[in-house]
Full PDB file with SEQRES, HELIX, SHEET, SSBOND, CRYST1, ORIGX, SCALE, CONECT and MASTER records, all heavy atoms in Angstrom:
SEQRES   1 A   37  GLY TRP MET VAL ALA GLY TYR THR ALA GLN LEU GLY ASN          
SEQRES   2 A   37  GLY PHE SER ALA THR ILE ALA LEU GLU GLN PRO ARG THR          
SEQRES   3 A   37  THR GLU ILE ILE GLY GLN GLY ALA THR PRO SER                  
SHEET    1 AA1 2 VAL A   4  GLY A  12  0                                        
SHEET    2 AA1 2 PHE A  15  GLU A  22 -1                                        
CRYST1    1.000    1.000    1.000  90.00  90.00  90.00 P 1           1          
ORIGX1      1.000000  0.000000  0.000000        0.00000                         
ORIGX2      0.000000  1.000000  0.000000        0.00000                         
ORIGX3      0.000000  0.000000  1.000000        0.00000                         
SCALE1      1.000000  0.000000  0.000000        0.00000                         
SCALE2      0.000000  1.000000  0.000000        0.00000                         
SCALE3      0.000000  0.000000  1.000000        0.00000                         
ATOM      1  N   GLY A   1      15.871  -2.118   1.234  1.00  0.00           N  
ATOM      2  CA  GLY A   1      16.878  -3.156   1.057  1.00  0.00           C  
ATOM      3  C   GLY A   1      16.950  -4.033   2.271  1.00  0.00           C  
ATOM      4  O   GLY A   1      16.467  -3.686   3.383  1.00  0.00           O  
ATOM      5  N   TRP A   2      17.644  -5.178   2.126  1.00  0.00           N  
ATOM      6  CA  TRP A   2      17.781  -6.184   3.261  1.00  0.00           C  
ATOM      7  C   TRP A   2      19.006  -6.927   3.144  1.00  0.00           C  
ATOM      8  O   TRP A   2      19.437  -7.313   2.008  1.00  0.00           O  
ATOM      9  CB  TRP A   2      16.511  -7.095   3.185  1.00  0.00           C  
ATOM     10  CG  TRP A   2      16.184  -7.705   4.511  1.00  0.00           C  
ATOM     11  CD1 TRP A   2      16.269  -8.994   4.956  1.00  0.00           C  
ATOM     12  CD2 TRP A   2      15.456  -6.992   5.612  1.00  0.00           C  
ATOM     13  NE1 TRP A   2      15.814  -9.122   6.209  1.00  0.00           N  
ATOM     14  CE2 TRP A   2      15.323  -7.911   6.640  1.00  0.00           C  
ATOM     15  CE3 TRP A   2      15.078  -5.652   5.750  1.00  0.00           C  
ATOM     16  CZ2 TRP A   2      14.743  -7.564   7.827  1.00  0.00           C  
ATOM     17  CZ3 TRP A   2      14.556  -5.237   6.975  1.00  0.00           C  
ATOM     18  CH2 TRP A   2      14.308  -6.232   7.948  1.00  0.00           C  
ATOM     19  N   MET A   3      19.637  -7.171   4.261  1.00  0.00           N  
ATOM     20  CA  MET A   3      20.947  -7.915   4.295  1.00  0.00           C  
ATOM     21  C   MET A   3      20.709  -9.460   4.070  1.00  0.00           C  
ATOM     22  O   MET A   3      19.939 -10.045   4.754  1.00  0.00           O  
ATOM     23  CB  MET A   3      21.664  -7.740   5.597  1.00  0.00           C  
ATOM     24  CG  MET A   3      22.153  -6.336   5.825  1.00  0.00           C  
ATOM     25  SD  MET A   3      23.451  -5.796   4.662  1.00  0.00           S  
ATOM     26  CE  MET A   3      24.764  -6.782   5.208  1.00  0.00           C  
ATOM     27  N   VAL A   4      21.337 -10.018   3.040  1.00  0.00           N  
ATOM     28  CA  VAL A   4      21.172 -11.407   2.657  1.00  0.00           C  
ATOM     29  C   VAL A   4      22.427 -12.049   2.383  1.00  0.00           C  
ATOM     30  O   VAL A   4      23.438 -11.439   1.875  1.00  0.00           O  
ATOM     31  CB  VAL A   4      20.128 -11.546   1.519  1.00  0.00           C  
ATOM     32  CG1 VAL A   4      18.852 -10.916   1.806  1.00  0.00           C  
ATOM     33  CG2 VAL A   4      20.727 -11.039   0.226  1.00  0.00           C  
ATOM     34  N   ALA A   5      22.451 -13.420   2.486  1.00  0.00           N  
ATOM     35  CA  ALA A   5      23.531 -14.237   1.969  1.00  0.00           C  
ATOM     36  C   ALA A   5      22.858 -15.532   1.474  1.00  0.00           C  
ATOM     37  O   ALA A   5      22.480 -16.389   2.338  1.00  0.00           O  
ATOM     38  CB  ALA A   5      24.584 -14.566   3.003  1.00  0.00           C  
ATOM     39  N   GLY A   6      22.606 -15.648   0.175  1.00  0.00           N  
ATOM     40  CA  GLY A   6      21.853 -16.726  -0.283  1.00  0.00           C  
ATOM     41  C   GLY A   6      22.364 -17.400  -1.589  1.00  0.00           C  
ATOM     42  O   GLY A   6      23.189 -16.877  -2.289  1.00  0.00           O  
ATOM     43  N   TYR A   7      21.826 -18.629  -1.804  1.00  0.00           N  
ATOM     44  CA  TYR A   7      22.165 -19.321  -3.001  1.00  0.00           C  
ATOM     45  C   TYR A   7      20.953 -19.699  -3.777  1.00  0.00           C  
ATOM     46  O   TYR A   7      20.015 -20.281  -3.206  1.00  0.00           O  
ATOM     47  CB  TYR A   7      22.988 -20.578  -2.743  1.00  0.00           C  
ATOM     48  CG  TYR A   7      23.285 -21.425  -4.005  1.00  0.00           C  
ATOM     49  CD1 TYR A   7      24.233 -21.018  -4.902  1.00  0.00           C  
ATOM     50  CD2 TYR A   7      22.501 -22.601  -4.200  1.00  0.00           C  
ATOM     51  CE1 TYR A   7      24.476 -21.754  -5.976  1.00  0.00           C  
ATOM     52  CE2 TYR A   7      22.808 -23.321  -5.370  1.00  0.00           C  
ATOM     53  CZ  TYR A   7      23.810 -22.899  -6.269  1.00  0.00           C  
ATOM     54  OH  TYR A   7      23.990 -23.639  -7.388  1.00  0.00           O  
ATOM     55  N   THR A   8      20.947 -19.377  -5.099  1.00  0.00           N  
ATOM     56  CA  THR A   8      19.774 -19.747  -5.909  1.00  0.00           C  
ATOM     57  C   THR A   8      20.177 -20.741  -6.964  1.00  0.00           C  
ATOM     58  O   THR A   8      21.168 -20.509  -7.697  1.00  0.00           O  
ATOM     59  CB  THR A   8      19.189 -18.474  -6.609  1.00  0.00           C  
ATOM     60  OG1 THR A   8      18.788 -17.546  -5.710  1.00  0.00           O  
ATOM     61  CG2 THR A   8      18.061 -18.840  -7.559  1.00  0.00           C  
ATOM     62  N   ALA A   9      19.448 -21.874  -6.985  1.00  0.00           N  
ATOM     63  CA  ALA A   9      19.747 -22.963  -8.030  1.00  0.00           C  
ATOM     64  C   ALA A   9      18.722 -22.849  -9.180  1.00  0.00           C  
ATOM     65  O   ALA A   9      17.468 -22.763  -8.849  1.00  0.00           O  
ATOM     66  CB  ALA A   9      19.710 -24.246  -7.300  1.00  0.00           C  
ATOM     67  N   GLN A  10      19.212 -22.835 -10.374  1.00  0.00           N  
ATOM     68  CA  GLN A  10      18.276 -22.825 -11.506  1.00  0.00           C  
ATOM     69  C   GLN A  10      17.984 -24.316 -11.900  1.00  0.00           C  
ATOM     70  O   GLN A  10      18.831 -25.064 -12.244  1.00  0.00           O  
ATOM     71  CB  GLN A  10      18.945 -22.093 -12.720  1.00  0.00           C  
ATOM     72  CG  GLN A  10      19.252 -20.615 -12.384  1.00  0.00           C  
ATOM     73  CD  GLN A  10      17.954 -19.819 -12.163  1.00  0.00           C  
ATOM     74  OE1 GLN A  10      16.950 -20.082 -12.589  1.00  0.00           O  
ATOM     75  NE2 GLN A  10      18.134 -18.762 -11.284  1.00  0.00           N  
ATOM     76  N   LEU A  11      16.697 -24.697 -11.776  1.00  0.00           N  
ATOM     77  CA  LEU A  11      16.375 -26.102 -11.937  1.00  0.00           C  
ATOM     78  C   LEU A  11      15.841 -26.423 -13.357  1.00  0.00           C  
ATOM     79  O   LEU A  11      15.599 -27.606 -13.583  1.00  0.00           O  
ATOM     80  CB  LEU A  11      15.253 -26.420 -10.922  1.00  0.00           C  
ATOM     81  CG  LEU A  11      15.569 -26.072  -9.430  1.00  0.00           C  
ATOM     82  CD1 LEU A  11      14.387 -26.372  -8.518  1.00  0.00           C  
ATOM     83  CD2 LEU A  11      16.754 -26.818  -8.988  1.00  0.00           C  
ATOM     84  N   GLY A  12      15.759 -25.440 -14.206  1.00  0.00           N  
ATOM     85  CA  GLY A  12      15.250 -25.748 -15.587  1.00  0.00           C  
ATOM     86  C   GLY A  12      13.834 -25.490 -15.712  1.00  0.00           C  
ATOM     87  O   GLY A  12      13.055 -25.517 -14.762  1.00  0.00           O  
ATOM     88  N   ASN A  13      13.378 -25.155 -16.961  1.00  0.00           N  
ATOM     89  CA  ASN A  13      11.968 -24.931 -17.296  1.00  0.00           C  
ATOM     90  C   ASN A  13      11.383 -23.748 -16.449  1.00  0.00           C  
ATOM     91  O   ASN A  13      10.193 -23.735 -16.146  1.00  0.00           O  
ATOM     92  CB  ASN A  13      11.097 -26.134 -17.070  1.00  0.00           C  
ATOM     93  CG  ASN A  13      11.506 -27.257 -18.044  1.00  0.00           C  
ATOM     94  OD1 ASN A  13      11.852 -27.008 -19.242  1.00  0.00           O  
ATOM     95  ND2 ASN A  13      11.524 -28.475 -17.589  1.00  0.00           N  
ATOM     96  N   GLY A  14      12.194 -22.790 -16.079  1.00  0.00           N  
ATOM     97  CA  GLY A  14      11.775 -21.636 -15.363  1.00  0.00           C  
ATOM     98  C   GLY A  14      11.736 -21.808 -13.870  1.00  0.00           C  
ATOM     99  O   GLY A  14      11.338 -20.907 -13.088  1.00  0.00           O  
ATOM    100  N   PHE A  15      12.088 -22.983 -13.349  1.00  0.00           N  
ATOM    101  CA  PHE A  15      12.002 -23.281 -11.908  1.00  0.00           C  
ATOM    102  C   PHE A  15      13.316 -22.922 -11.250  1.00  0.00           C  
ATOM    103  O   PHE A  15      14.391 -23.095 -11.864  1.00  0.00           O  
ATOM    104  CB  PHE A  15      11.674 -24.751 -11.658  1.00  0.00           C  
ATOM    105  CG  PHE A  15      10.248 -25.026 -11.846  1.00  0.00           C  
ATOM    106  CD1 PHE A  15       9.780 -25.433 -13.153  1.00  0.00           C  
ATOM    107  CD2 PHE A  15       9.348 -25.060 -10.756  1.00  0.00           C  
ATOM    108  CE1 PHE A  15       8.493 -25.792 -13.376  1.00  0.00           C  
ATOM    109  CE2 PHE A  15       7.984 -25.378 -11.012  1.00  0.00           C  
ATOM    110  CZ  PHE A  15       7.601 -25.793 -12.312  1.00  0.00           C  
ATOM    111  N   SER A  16      13.293 -22.387 -10.061  1.00  0.00           N  
ATOM    112  CA  SER A  16      14.462 -22.070  -9.206  1.00  0.00           C  
ATOM    113  C   SER A  16      14.143 -22.332  -7.786  1.00  0.00           C  
ATOM    114  O   SER A  16      12.944 -22.313  -7.360  1.00  0.00           O  
ATOM    115  CB  SER A  16      14.928 -20.672  -9.474  1.00  0.00           C  
ATOM    116  OG  SER A  16      13.981 -19.693  -9.017  1.00  0.00           O  
ATOM    117  N   ALA A  17      15.125 -22.526  -6.986  1.00  0.00           N  
ATOM    118  CA  ALA A  17      15.086 -22.713  -5.538  1.00  0.00           C  
ATOM    119  C   ALA A  17      16.130 -21.889  -4.849  1.00  0.00           C  
ATOM    120  O   ALA A  17      17.312 -21.892  -5.317  1.00  0.00           O  
ATOM    121  CB  ALA A  17      15.092 -24.184  -5.149  1.00  0.00           C  
ATOM    122  N   THR A  18      15.879 -21.255  -3.728  1.00  0.00           N  
ATOM    123  CA  THR A  18      16.778 -20.452  -2.988  1.00  0.00           C  
ATOM    124  C   THR A  18      16.812 -20.757  -1.494  1.00  0.00           C  
ATOM    125  O   THR A  18      15.760 -21.079  -0.976  1.00  0.00           O  
ATOM    126  CB  THR A  18      16.457 -18.960  -3.114  1.00  0.00           C  
ATOM    127  OG1 THR A  18      16.532 -18.558  -4.503  1.00  0.00           O  
ATOM    128  CG2 THR A  18      17.437 -18.058  -2.351  1.00  0.00           C  
ATOM    129  N   ILE A  19      17.965 -20.845  -0.914  1.00  0.00           N  
ATOM    130  CA  ILE A  19      18.155 -20.928   0.505  1.00  0.00           C  
ATOM    131  C   ILE A  19      19.048 -19.761   0.930  1.00  0.00           C  
ATOM    132  O   ILE A  19      20.024 -19.523   0.308  1.00  0.00           O  
ATOM    133  CB  ILE A  19      18.744 -22.274   0.960  1.00  0.00           C  
ATOM    134  CG1 ILE A  19      18.757 -22.393   2.433  1.00  0.00           C  
ATOM    135  CG2 ILE A  19      20.074 -22.514   0.306  1.00  0.00           C  
ATOM    136  CD1 ILE A  19      17.423 -22.567   3.108  1.00  0.00           C  
ATOM    137  N   ALA A  20      18.673 -19.043   2.034  1.00  0.00           N  
ATOM    138  CA  ALA A  20      19.407 -17.891   2.375  1.00  0.00           C  
ATOM    139  C   ALA A  20      19.475 -17.645   3.851  1.00  0.00           C  
ATOM    140  O   ALA A  20      18.493 -18.036   4.670  1.00  0.00           O  
ATOM    141  CB  ALA A  20      18.785 -16.630   1.691  1.00  0.00           C  
ATOM    142  N   LEU A  21      20.458 -17.008   4.342  1.00  0.00           N  
ATOM    143  CA  LEU A  21      20.499 -16.424   5.740  1.00  0.00           C  
ATOM    144  C   LEU A  21      20.275 -14.979   5.596  1.00  0.00           C  
ATOM    145  O   LEU A  21      20.930 -14.273   4.705  1.00  0.00           O  
ATOM    146  CB  LEU A  21      21.911 -16.705   6.297  1.00  0.00           C  
ATOM    147  CG  LEU A  21      22.279 -18.148   6.505  1.00  0.00           C  
ATOM    148  CD1 LEU A  21      23.674 -18.183   7.062  1.00  0.00           C  
ATOM    149  CD2 LEU A  21      21.281 -18.930   7.316  1.00  0.00           C  
ATOM    150  N   GLU A  22      19.389 -14.327   6.381  1.00  0.00           N  
ATOM    151  CA  GLU A  22      18.995 -13.020   6.157  1.00  0.00           C  
ATOM    152  C   GLU A  22      18.945 -12.283   7.522  1.00  0.00           C  
ATOM    153  O   GLU A  22      18.874 -12.798   8.643  1.00  0.00           O  
ATOM    154  CB  GLU A  22      17.653 -12.880   5.546  1.00  0.00           C  
ATOM    155  CG  GLU A  22      17.525 -13.506   4.189  1.00  0.00           C  
ATOM    156  CD  GLU A  22      16.356 -13.190   3.385  1.00  0.00           C  
ATOM    157  OE1 GLU A  22      15.398 -12.498   4.007  1.00  0.00           O  
ATOM    158  OE2 GLU A  22      16.207 -13.615   2.273  1.00  0.00           O  
ATOM    159  N   GLN A  23      19.004 -10.888   7.411  1.00  0.00           N  
ATOM    160  CA  GLN A  23      18.882 -10.003   8.566  1.00  0.00           C  
ATOM    161  C   GLN A  23      17.529 -10.340   9.279  1.00  0.00           C  
ATOM    162  O   GLN A  23      16.528 -10.488   8.638  1.00  0.00           O  
ATOM    163  CB  GLN A  23      18.799  -8.613   7.947  1.00  0.00           C  
ATOM    164  CG  GLN A  23      18.460  -7.514   8.991  1.00  0.00           C  
ATOM    165  CD  GLN A  23      18.390  -6.160   8.354  1.00  0.00           C  
ATOM    166  OE1 GLN A  23      18.859  -6.023   7.177  1.00  0.00           O  
ATOM    167  NE2 GLN A  23      17.788  -5.203   8.959  1.00  0.00           N  
ATOM    168  N   PRO A  24      17.512 -10.498  10.568  1.00  0.00           N  
ATOM    169  CA  PRO A  24      16.306 -10.830  11.317  1.00  0.00           C  
ATOM    170  C   PRO A  24      15.225  -9.759  11.192  1.00  0.00           C  
ATOM    171  O   PRO A  24      15.526  -8.555  11.153  1.00  0.00           O  
ATOM    172  CB  PRO A  24      16.767 -10.963  12.788  1.00  0.00           C  
ATOM    173  CG  PRO A  24      18.226 -11.222  12.713  1.00  0.00           C  
ATOM    174  CD  PRO A  24      18.699 -10.485  11.504  1.00  0.00           C  
ATOM    175  N   ARG A  25      13.995 -10.240  11.084  1.00  0.00           N  
ATOM    176  CA  ARG A  25      12.890  -9.264  11.056  1.00  0.00           C  
ATOM    177  C   ARG A  25      12.296  -9.216  12.431  1.00  0.00           C  
ATOM    178  O   ARG A  25      11.641 -10.124  12.915  1.00  0.00           O  
ATOM    179  CB  ARG A  25      11.818  -9.738  10.082  1.00  0.00           C  
ATOM    180  CG  ARG A  25      12.342  -9.849   8.628  1.00  0.00           C  
ATOM    181  CD  ARG A  25      11.123  -9.871   7.656  1.00  0.00           C  
ATOM    182  NE  ARG A  25      11.504 -10.105   6.280  1.00  0.00           N  
ATOM    183  CZ  ARG A  25      10.770  -9.849   5.263  1.00  0.00           C  
ATOM    184  NH1 ARG A  25       9.564  -9.298   5.467  1.00  0.00           N  
ATOM    185  NH2 ARG A  25      11.196 -10.141   3.994  1.00  0.00           N  
ATOM    186  N   THR A  26      12.603  -8.093  13.145  1.00  0.00           N  
ATOM    187  CA  THR A  26      12.254  -8.027  14.559  1.00  0.00           C  
ATOM    188  C   THR A  26      11.326  -6.823  14.809  1.00  0.00           C  
ATOM    189  O   THR A  26      11.652  -5.704  14.376  1.00  0.00           O  
ATOM    190  CB  THR A  26      13.475  -7.876  15.419  1.00  0.00           C  
ATOM    191  OG1 THR A  26      14.233  -6.793  15.114  1.00  0.00           O  
ATOM    192  CG2 THR A  26      14.343  -9.142  15.357  1.00  0.00           C  
ATOM    193  N   THR A  27      10.313  -7.005  15.546  1.00  0.00           N  
ATOM    194  CA  THR A  27       9.508  -5.919  16.115  1.00  0.00           C  
ATOM    195  C   THR A  27       9.651  -5.979  17.613  1.00  0.00           C  
ATOM    196  O   THR A  27      10.756  -6.314  18.123  1.00  0.00           O  
ATOM    197  CB  THR A  27       8.063  -5.964  15.662  1.00  0.00           C  
ATOM    198  OG1 THR A  27       7.344  -4.935  16.209  1.00  0.00           O  
ATOM    199  CG2 THR A  27       7.331  -7.259  15.976  1.00  0.00           C  
ATOM    200  N   GLU A  28       8.589  -5.732  18.408  1.00  0.00           N  
ATOM    201  CA  GLU A  28       8.726  -5.603  19.826  1.00  0.00           C  
ATOM    202  C   GLU A  28       8.475  -6.982  20.515  1.00  0.00           C  
ATOM    203  O   GLU A  28       7.696  -7.788  20.066  1.00  0.00           O  
ATOM    204  CB  GLU A  28       7.832  -4.513  20.340  1.00  0.00           C  
ATOM    205  CG  GLU A  28       8.120  -4.138  21.829  1.00  0.00           C  
ATOM    206  CD  GLU A  28       9.490  -3.505  21.890  1.00  0.00           C  
ATOM    207  OE1 GLU A  28      10.415  -4.302  22.169  1.00  0.00           O  
ATOM    208  OE2 GLU A  28       9.624  -2.385  21.780  1.00  0.00           O  
ATOM    209  N   ILE A  29       9.119  -7.149  21.696  1.00  0.00           N  
ATOM    210  CA  ILE A  29       8.733  -8.200  22.659  1.00  0.00           C  
ATOM    211  C   ILE A  29       8.331  -7.494  23.888  1.00  0.00           C  
ATOM    212  O   ILE A  29       9.011  -6.599  24.422  1.00  0.00           O  
ATOM    213  CB  ILE A  29       9.891  -9.120  22.935  1.00  0.00           C  
ATOM    214  CG1 ILE A  29      10.229  -9.913  21.632  1.00  0.00           C  
ATOM    215  CG2 ILE A  29       9.516 -10.116  24.075  1.00  0.00           C  
ATOM    216  CD1 ILE A  29      11.441 -10.850  21.800  1.00  0.00           C  
ATOM    217  N   ILE A  30       7.175  -7.832  24.436  1.00  0.00           N  
ATOM    218  CA  ILE A  30       6.566  -7.091  25.614  1.00  0.00           C  
ATOM    219  C   ILE A  30       6.677  -8.006  26.834  1.00  0.00           C  
ATOM    220  O   ILE A  30       6.180  -9.161  26.820  1.00  0.00           O  
ATOM    221  CB  ILE A  30       5.118  -6.747  25.340  1.00  0.00           C  
ATOM    222  CG1 ILE A  30       5.052  -5.813  24.103  1.00  0.00           C  
ATOM    223  CG2 ILE A  30       4.496  -6.048  26.479  1.00  0.00           C  
ATOM    224  CD1 ILE A  30       3.673  -5.502  23.680  1.00  0.00           C  
ATOM    225  N   GLY A  31       7.275  -7.503  27.868  1.00  0.00           N  
ATOM    226  CA  GLY A  31       7.436  -8.274  29.127  1.00  0.00           C  
ATOM    227  C   GLY A  31       6.948  -7.443  30.243  1.00  0.00           C  
ATOM    228  O   GLY A  31       7.313  -6.280  30.440  1.00  0.00           O  
ATOM    229  N   GLN A  32       6.065  -7.985  31.089  1.00  0.00           N  
ATOM    230  CA  GLN A  32       5.425  -7.251  32.144  1.00  0.00           C  
ATOM    231  C   GLN A  32       6.465  -6.832  33.202  1.00  0.00           C  
ATOM    232  O   GLN A  32       7.364  -7.627  33.589  1.00  0.00           O  
ATOM    233  CB  GLN A  32       4.385  -8.123  32.882  1.00  0.00           C  
ATOM    234  CG  GLN A  32       3.574  -7.351  33.870  1.00  0.00           C  
ATOM    235  CD  GLN A  32       2.567  -8.223  34.537  1.00  0.00           C  
ATOM    236  OE1 GLN A  32       2.906  -9.411  34.854  1.00  0.00           O  
ATOM    237  NE2 GLN A  32       1.388  -7.678  34.910  1.00  0.00           N  
ATOM    238  N   GLY A  33       6.402  -5.585  33.588  1.00  0.00           N  
ATOM    239  CA  GLY A  33       7.250  -5.163  34.663  1.00  0.00           C  
ATOM    240  C   GLY A  33       8.349  -4.215  34.166  1.00  0.00           C  
ATOM    241  O   GLY A  33       8.902  -3.440  34.853  1.00  0.00           O  
ATOM    242  N   ALA A  34       8.590  -4.168  32.835  1.00  0.00           N  
ATOM    243  CA  ALA A  34       9.617  -3.307  32.320  1.00  0.00           C  
ATOM    244  C   ALA A  34       9.064  -1.951  32.071  1.00  0.00           C  
ATOM    245  O   ALA A  34       7.894  -1.784  31.472  1.00  0.00           O  
ATOM    246  CB  ALA A  34      10.178  -3.876  31.016  1.00  0.00           C  
ATOM    247  N   THR A  35       9.726  -0.830  32.438  1.00  0.00           N  
ATOM    248  CA  THR A  35       9.361   0.477  32.153  1.00  0.00           C  
ATOM    249  C   THR A  35      10.292   1.149  31.199  1.00  0.00           C  
ATOM    250  O   THR A  35      11.494   1.327  31.587  1.00  0.00           O  
ATOM    251  CB  THR A  35       9.252   1.300  33.455  1.00  0.00           C  
ATOM    252  OG1 THR A  35       8.352   0.614  34.369  1.00  0.00           O  
ATOM    253  CG2 THR A  35       8.823   2.755  33.195  1.00  0.00           C  
ATOM    254  N   PRO A  36       9.816   1.510  30.003  1.00  0.00           N  
ATOM    255  CA  PRO A  36      10.760   2.166  29.105  1.00  0.00           C  
ATOM    256  C   PRO A  36      11.277   3.477  29.655  1.00  0.00           C  
ATOM    257  O   PRO A  36      10.589   4.181  30.435  1.00  0.00           O  
ATOM    258  CB  PRO A  36       9.886   2.437  27.818  1.00  0.00           C  
ATOM    259  CG  PRO A  36       8.737   1.476  28.056  1.00  0.00           C  
ATOM    260  CD  PRO A  36       8.512   1.313  29.441  1.00  0.00           C  
ATOM    261  N   SER A  37      12.533   3.902  29.246  1.00  0.00           N  
ATOM    262  CA  SER A  37      13.083   5.068  29.810  1.00  0.00           C  
ATOM    263  C   SER A  37      12.359   6.311  29.336  1.00  0.00           C  
ATOM    264  O   SER A  37      12.366   7.375  29.960  1.00  0.00           O  
ATOM    265  CB  SER A  37      14.541   5.160  29.461  1.00  0.00           C  
ATOM    266  OG  SER A  37      14.664   5.166  28.069  1.00  0.00           O  
TER     267      SER A  37                                                      
MASTER        0    0    0    0    2    0    0    6  266    1    0    3          
END                                                                             
């Protein structure tokens, strides 16, 4: 699952469009000099 807040517009003939705010998809950012605990 994923956290979302979106709106979907039905445009007719099977077409739709969605705009949404969603939970960020984050992995790692690597910075030289940092030592993990």
